[in-house]
């Protein structure tokens, strides 16, 4: 591999072991490496995660070993689902959905880790310092909104008793945001708070948020679809802050967004109300979408039927999934 990539053996071994971070390469050399890997048969999906992996390294390093007077990377851009999932892989061993089910073709002659899981002490340091970062960002006021929101979300990956208590206190202290009606500059923070509370077993704030801060408010509904489009990769351009959520969508891909939401409806039962409402809003705005991908529409029809037969969904989800089911049926005829 070293010969094929045009580097010396020690360099290649350093990349594999993590001794030499890829982020330290010159931009041109890194671009050349990516092109050579693709030419030699690298999986394009895995190769496509390289940017998110580099961001993951930056976020973990800046948290575990903070440098004085350097802004935290979470303060300067809205991180993506790929980055969040790779961080979770390093923190709790959960394989990212983009990599789930893919075979491991590694043929090492020596023992190799099954996942890029950080050592226990580093994981403890990461979460401890991330909680400190979230607290300091909150004290910074308006300038710390993005950093606080994103740090708090990542803190929810820590499931130790101490962290769960801290997280519960931090989130419940922000419940006033969830009660706010319609769009506000703190809307994204309220959404993240409500979804993080679901991880702690408290689903009511998310239901309240959908009822009060999303439903029947055009600006909030637009913000929700824009948020999903960015998170699920239907909006490709990087975003420096949450302001992009306020604008009417002009450059995201509705079919790709629908695909991500349908997959989430299958894979994330705790968030079924948020996915159901978002699919309802998306199909209300773009009723032609089922015609663009009939197989995807069939998957959604099957899943919505299963959920409608289940008494565990909320009245709002039942109404909205019924509408979704009707739209799908009408497109068939």
Protein backbone atom coordinates (compact mmCIF):
# COMPACT_ATOMS: atom_id res chain seq x y z
CA UNK A 1 0.00 0.00 0.00
CA UNK A 2 2.83 2.40 0.82
CA UNK A 3 4.34 1.78 -2.61
CA UNK A 4 0.99 2.15 -4.34
CA UNK A 5 0.34 5.44 -2.53
CA UNK A 6 3.81 6.77 -3.25
CA UNK A 7 4.92 7.15 0.37
CA UNK A 8 7.52 5.45 2.53
CA UNK A 9 6.55 2.49 4.73
CA UNK A 10 7.02 4.36 8.03
CA UNK A 11 4.59 7.07 6.87
CA UNK A 12 1.91 4.53 5.92
CA UNK A 13 2.32 2.66 9.21
CA UNK A 14 2.10 5.98 11.04
CA UNK A 15 -1.25 6.74 9.38
CA UNK A 16 -2.63 3.30 10.19
CA UNK A 17 -1.56 3.45 13.82
CA UNK A 18 -2.58 7.07 14.33
CA UNK A 19 0.93 8.26 15.16
CA UNK A 20 0.86 10.58 12.15
CA UNK A 21 -2.44 12.49 11.79
CA UNK A 22 -3.61 12.88 8.20
CA UNK A 23 -4.61 16.44 9.12
CA UNK A 24 -0.90 17.32 9.28
CA UNK A 25 -0.45 16.61 5.57
CA UNK A 26 -0.25 19.36 2.99
CA UNK A 27 -3.58 19.94 1.26
CA UNK A 28 -2.27 18.87 -2.14
CA UNK A 29 -0.74 15.68 -0.77
CA UNK A 30 -3.99 14.77 1.00
CA UNK A 31 -5.97 15.35 -2.20
CA UNK A 32 -3.54 13.15 -4.11
CA UNK A 33 -3.85 10.42 -1.48
CA UNK A 34 -7.64 10.42 -1.81
CA UNK A 35 -7.46 10.15 -5.59
CA UNK A 36 -4.95 7.28 -5.41
CA UNK A 37 -7.04 5.40 -2.85
CA UNK A 38 -10.09 5.69 -5.13
CA UNK A 39 -8.08 4.50 -8.14
CA UNK A 40 -6.93 1.45 -6.16
CA UNK A 41 -10.49 0.38 -5.30
CA UNK A 42 -11.25 2.16 -2.01
CA UNK A 43 -14.96 2.18 -1.10
CA UNK A 44 -16.27 5.60 -2.25
CA UNK A 45 -18.71 5.78 0.66
CA UNK A 46 -15.95 5.19 3.21
CA UNK A 47 -13.62 7.58 1.38
CA UNK A 48 -16.40 10.18 1.42
CA UNK A 49 -16.28 10.16 5.24
CA UNK A 50 -12.66 11.32 5.32
CA UNK A 51 -13.56 15.01 5.77
CA UNK A 52 -15.89 14.14 8.65
CA UNK A 53 -13.14 11.96 10.15
CA UNK A 54 -10.67 14.84 10.03
CA UNK A 55 -13.23 17.11 11.69
CA UNK A 56 -13.82 14.43 14.32
CA UNK A 57 -10.10 14.34 15.12
CA UNK A 58 -10.05 18.13 15.43
CA UNK A 59 -13.04 18.23 17.78
CA UNK A 60 -11.73 15.44 20.01
CA UNK A 61 -8.20 16.88 20.12
CA UNK A 62 -9.39 20.43 20.83
CA UNK A 63 -11.55 19.11 23.67
CA UNK A 64 -9.10 16.69 25.30
CA UNK A 65 -6.04 18.92 24.87
CA UNK A 66 -7.39 22.49 24.60
CA UNK A 67 -4.97 25.18 23.42
CA UNK A 68 -5.10 28.55 25.11
CA UNK A 69 -6.64 31.38 23.07
CA UNK A 70 -7.82 28.93 20.36
CA UNK A 71 -11.53 28.80 19.55
CA UNK A 72 -13.19 25.44 19.86
CA UNK A 73 -14.04 23.97 16.41
CA UNK A 74 -17.67 23.52 17.47
CA UNK A 75 -17.95 27.33 17.74
CA UNK A 76 -17.18 27.97 14.08
CA UNK A 77 -19.44 25.70 12.05
CA UNK A 78 -22.56 23.53 12.28
CA UNK A 79 -21.35 19.96 12.50
CA UNK A 80 -22.94 17.25 10.37
CA UNK A 81 -24.51 13.89 11.17
CA UNK A 82 -21.46 12.11 9.75
CA UNK A 83 -19.20 13.97 12.17
CA UNK A 84 -21.49 13.33 15.13
CA UNK A 85 -21.68 9.61 14.31
CA UNK A 86 -17.90 9.30 13.96
CA UNK A 87 -17.47 11.05 17.32
CA UNK A 88 -19.92 8.57 18.85
CA UNK A 89 -17.90 5.72 17.32
CA UNK A 90 -14.81 6.97 19.12
CA UNK A 91 -16.67 7.51 22.39
CA UNK A 92 -18.96 4.51 22.76
CA UNK A 93 -18.12 2.15 19.90
CA UNK A 94 -21.41 2.62 18.02
CA UNK A 95 -20.71 1.97 14.34
CA UNK A 96 -21.91 4.88 12.15
CA UNK A 97 -24.98 4.06 10.08
CA UNK A 98 -22.99 4.83 6.90
CA UNK A 99 -20.60 1.98 7.77
CA UNK A 100 -23.01 -0.48 9.39
CA UNK A 101 -23.05 -3.87 7.70
CA UNK A 102 -19.94 -3.26 5.65
CA UNK A 103 -17.40 -6.11 5.83
CA UNK A 104 -14.03 -5.55 7.47
CA UNK A 105 -11.43 -6.39 4.83
CA UNK A 106 -8.47 -5.83 7.16
CA UNK A 107 -5.81 -8.54 6.90
CA UNK A 108 -3.36 -7.37 9.54
CA UNK A 109 -0.60 -9.72 10.70
CA UNK A 110 -0.80 -8.17 14.18
CA UNK A 111 -3.74 -7.44 16.51
CA UNK A 112 -5.87 -4.48 15.42
CA UNK A 113 -8.68 -2.62 17.14
CA UNK A 114 -12.20 -3.43 15.98
CA UNK A 115 -13.21 0.24 16.32
CA UNK A 116 -11.46 3.60 16.85
CA UNK A 117 -12.57 3.62 20.50
CA UNK A 118 -10.69 6.07 22.70
CA UNK A 119 -9.06 4.70 25.88
CA UNK A 120 -11.27 4.98 28.97
CA UNK A 121 -9.27 7.84 30.50
CA UNK A 122 -9.38 9.88 27.29
CA UNK A 123 -13.14 9.35 27.00
CA UNK A 124 -13.53 10.52 30.59
CA UNK A 125 -11.35 13.57 29.90
CA UNK A 126 -13.26 14.35 26.72
CA UNK A 127 -16.65 14.41 28.40
CA UNK A 128 -15.42 16.23 31.48
CA UNK A 129 -13.89 19.03 29.42
CA UNK A 130 -16.81 19.12 27.01
CA UNK A 131 -19.15 19.76 29.94
CA UNK A 132 -16.86 22.60 31.04
CA UNK A 133 -16.94 23.94 27.48
CA UNK A 134 -20.75 23.83 27.41
CA UNK A 135 -20.94 25.69 30.73
CA UNK A 136 -18.50 28.41 29.65
CA UNK A 137 -20.29 28.82 26.30
CA UNK A 138 -23.58 29.33 28.13
CA UNK A 139 -22.01 32.10 30.21
CA UNK A 140 -20.79 33.76 27.01
CA UNK A 141 -24.36 34.66 26.03
CA UNK A 142 -25.30 35.18 22.38
CA UNK A 143 -21.74 34.56 21.14
CA UNK A 144 -21.75 31.09 22.70
CA UNK A 145 -25.11 29.83 21.41
CA UNK A 146 -23.74 27.53 18.70
CA UNK A 147 -20.91 26.14 20.82
CA UNK A 148 -23.22 25.51 23.78
CA UNK A 149 -25.85 23.78 21.64
CA UNK A 150 -23.40 21.47 19.91
CA UNK A 151 -21.33 20.70 22.99
CA UNK A 152 -24.46 19.91 24.99
CA UNK A 153 -25.67 17.55 22.27
CA UNK A 154 -22.38 15.62 22.24
CA UNK A 155 -22.41 15.46 26.06
CA UNK A 156 -25.51 13.27 25.78
CA UNK A 157 -23.30 10.45 24.43
CA UNK A 158 -21.90 10.00 27.96
CA UNK A 159 -24.17 7.55 29.79
CA UNK A 160 -22.31 7.32 33.12
CA UNK A 161 -24.47 8.08 36.20
CA UNK A 162 -22.60 11.31 36.97
CA UNK A 163 -22.91 12.52 33.37
CA UNK A 164 -26.59 11.60 33.20
CA UNK A 165 -27.28 13.67 36.31
CA UNK A 166 -25.33 16.63 34.93
CA UNK A 167 -27.03 16.30 31.56
CA UNK A 168 -30.48 16.10 33.12
CA UNK A 169 -29.83 19.23 35.16
CA UNK A 170 -28.37 21.13 32.18
CA UNK A 171 -31.20 20.18 29.85
CA UNK A 172 -34.02 20.74 32.28
CA UNK A 173 -32.57 24.15 33.09
CA UNK A 174 -33.15 24.99 29.41
CA UNK A 175 -36.71 23.67 29.21
CA UNK A 176 -37.97 27.25 28.97
CA UNK A 177 -36.57 27.27 25.43
CA UNK A 178 -38.75 24.33 24.46
CA UNK A 179 -41.86 26.19 25.63
CA UNK A 180 -41.18 29.16 23.32
CA UNK A 181 -43.62 29.47 20.43
CA UNK A 182 -42.53 29.68 16.81
CA UNK A 183 -39.17 30.74 15.44
CA UNK A 184 -36.66 32.55 17.66
CA UNK A 185 -32.86 32.92 17.51
CA UNK A 186 -32.76 30.13 20.11
CA UNK A 187 -34.96 27.77 18.08
CA UNK A 188 -32.13 25.39 17.12
CA UNK A 189 -30.95 25.24 20.74
CA UNK A 190 -34.49 24.40 21.84
CA UNK A 191 -34.73 21.65 19.23
CA UNK A 192 -31.40 20.14 20.30
CA UNK A 193 -32.49 20.32 23.95
CA UNK A 194 -35.76 18.52 23.25
CA UNK A 195 -34.09 15.77 21.20
CA UNK A 196 -31.33 15.27 23.78
CA UNK A 197 -33.95 14.86 26.53
CA UNK A 198 -35.38 11.94 24.55
CA UNK A 199 -32.06 10.15 25.10
CA UNK A 200 -32.62 10.51 28.82
CA UNK A 201 -36.05 8.92 28.50
CA UNK A 202 -38.08 12.17 28.65
CA UNK A 203 -40.15 12.38 25.44
CA UNK A 204 -42.68 15.01 26.49
CA UNK A 205 -40.47 18.07 25.77
CA UNK A 206 -40.11 16.95 22.15
CA UNK A 207 -43.87 16.57 21.79
CA UNK A 208 -44.33 20.02 23.34
CA UNK A 209 -41.70 21.49 21.02
CA UNK A 210 -43.43 20.10 17.92
CA UNK A 211 -46.79 21.48 19.09
CA UNK A 212 -45.57 24.90 20.19
CA UNK A 213 -42.42 25.74 18.26
CA UNK A 214 -43.02 24.05 14.90
CA UNK A 215 -46.61 23.26 14.01
CA UNK A 216 -48.55 26.01 12.18
CA UNK A 217 -45.54 28.34 12.05
CA UNK A 218 -44.13 28.70 8.52
CA UNK A 219 -40.75 30.04 9.64
CA UNK A 220 -40.29 27.21 12.16
CA UNK A 221 -41.39 24.55 9.67
CA UNK A 222 -38.88 25.93 7.16
CA UNK A 223 -36.18 25.89 9.83
CA UNK A 224 -36.93 22.28 10.68
CA UNK A 225 -36.68 21.08 7.07
CA UNK A 226 -33.51 23.12 6.53
CA UNK A 227 -32.02 21.62 9.70
CA UNK A 228 -32.87 18.11 8.52
CA UNK A 229 -31.54 18.82 5.01
CA UNK A 230 -28.16 19.85 6.42
CA UNK A 231 -28.03 17.03 8.99
CA UNK A 232 -28.96 14.34 6.46
CA UNK A 233 -26.72 15.57 3.65
CA UNK A 234 -29.42 16.99 1.38
CA UNK A 235 -27.83 20.42 1.83
CA UNK A 236 -24.17 20.03 0.91
CA UNK A 237 -22.69 23.48 1.63
CA UNK A 238 -21.05 23.91 5.07
CA UNK A 239 -22.76 26.39 7.39
CA UNK A 240 -20.99 28.72 9.81
CA UNK A 241 -23.97 29.11 12.16
CA UNK A 242 -27.68 28.36 12.54
CA UNK A 243 -28.86 31.40 10.53
CA UNK A 244 -29.28 29.29 7.35
CA UNK A 245 -32.33 27.63 8.91
CA UNK A 246 -34.41 30.80 8.56
CA UNK A 247 -34.22 31.07 4.76
CA UNK A 248 -36.50 29.49 2.21
CA UNK A 249 -34.81 26.37 0.80
CA UNK A 250 -33.25 26.92 -2.61
CA UNK A 251 -30.40 24.46 -2.87
CA UNK A 252 -31.21 21.25 -1.01
CA UNK A 253 -32.34 17.99 -2.55
CA UNK A 254 -35.89 16.98 -1.55
CA UNK A 255 -35.56 13.32 -2.63
CA UNK A 256 -32.38 12.88 -0.61
CA UNK A 257 -34.07 14.51 2.37
CA UNK A 258 -37.08 12.21 2.05
CA UNK A 259 -34.76 9.20 1.91
CA UNK A 260 -33.01 10.26 5.12
CA UNK A 261 -36.29 10.85 6.94
CA UNK A 262 -37.75 7.50 5.82
CA UNK A 263 -34.62 5.71 7.02
CA UNK A 264 -34.87 7.53 10.35
CA UNK A 265 -38.50 6.55 10.72
CA UNK A 266 -37.31 2.93 10.53
CA UNK A 267 -34.20 3.26 12.67
CA UNK A 268 -35.00 5.77 15.44
CA UNK A 269 -38.19 4.75 17.26
CA UNK A 270 -37.64 7.27 20.06
CA UNK A 271 -37.96 10.13 17.58
CA UNK A 272 -40.94 8.82 15.61
CA UNK A 273 -42.98 11.98 16.32
CA UNK A 274 -40.28 14.29 14.97
CA UNK A 275 -39.75 12.15 11.87
CA UNK A 276 -43.49 11.81 11.28
CA UNK A 277 -44.08 15.54 11.52
CA UNK A 278 -41.11 16.32 9.29
CA UNK A 279 -42.25 13.86 6.62
CA UNK A 280 -45.74 15.33 6.77
CA UNK A 281 -44.31 18.85 6.31
CA UNK A 282 -42.03 17.72 3.48
CA UNK A 283 -44.80 15.96 1.54
CA UNK A 284 -47.17 18.87 2.14
CA UNK A 285 -44.60 21.18 0.53
CA UNK A 286 -43.61 18.69 -2.21
CA UNK A 287 -46.52 16.27 -2.86
CA UNK A 288 -44.80 15.03 -6.05
CA UNK A 289 -41.94 13.41 -4.11
CA UNK A 290 -43.37 9.84 -4.01
CA UNK A 291 -43.35 9.82 -7.81
CA UNK A 292 -39.62 10.59 -7.84
CA UNK A 293 -38.74 7.37 -6.01
CA UNK A 294 -41.58 4.80 -5.99
CA UNK A 295 -39.55 2.20 -4.05
CA UNK A 296 -38.83 4.71 -1.30
CA UNK A 297 -42.52 5.65 -1.27
CA UNK A 298 -43.43 1.97 -0.83
CA UNK A 299 -41.06 1.70 2.15
CA UNK A 300 -42.66 4.76 3.71
CA UNK A 301 -46.14 3.38 3.07
CA UNK A 302 -45.27 0.08 4.76
CA UNK A 303 -43.72 1.77 7.78
CA UNK A 304 -46.52 4.31 8.18
CA UNK A 305 -49.07 1.46 8.08
CA UNK A 306 -47.16 -0.34 10.84
CA UNK A 307 -47.07 2.78 12.98
CA UNK A 308 -50.76 3.54 12.44
CA UNK A 309 -51.55 0.03 13.66
CA UNK A 310 -49.55 0.74 16.82
CA UNK A 311 -51.37 2.43 19.69
CA UNK A 312 -48.10 3.89 21.02
CA UNK A 313 -47.87 6.94 18.74
CA UNK A 314 -49.17 10.37 19.69
CA UNK A 315 -52.47 11.76 18.31
CA UNK A 316 -50.56 14.32 16.23
CA UNK A 317 -48.35 11.63 14.67
CA UNK A 318 -51.42 9.55 13.94
CA UNK A 319 -53.09 12.45 12.11
CA UNK A 320 -49.97 13.37 10.18
CA UNK A 321 -49.06 9.81 9.23
CA UNK A 322 -52.62 9.33 8.02
CA UNK A 323 -52.13 12.35 5.75
CA UNK A 324 -48.79 10.96 4.55
CA UNK A 325 -50.46 7.62 3.83
CA UNK A 326 -53.20 9.40 1.86
CA UNK A 327 -50.65 11.34 -0.23
CA UNK A 328 -48.80 8.12 -1.01
CA UNK A 329 -52.02 6.36 -2.02
CA UNK A 330 -53.09 9.25 -4.25
CA UNK A 331 -49.75 9.20 -6.04
CA UNK A 332 -50.19 5.51 -6.78
CA UNK A 333 -53.50 6.18 -8.50
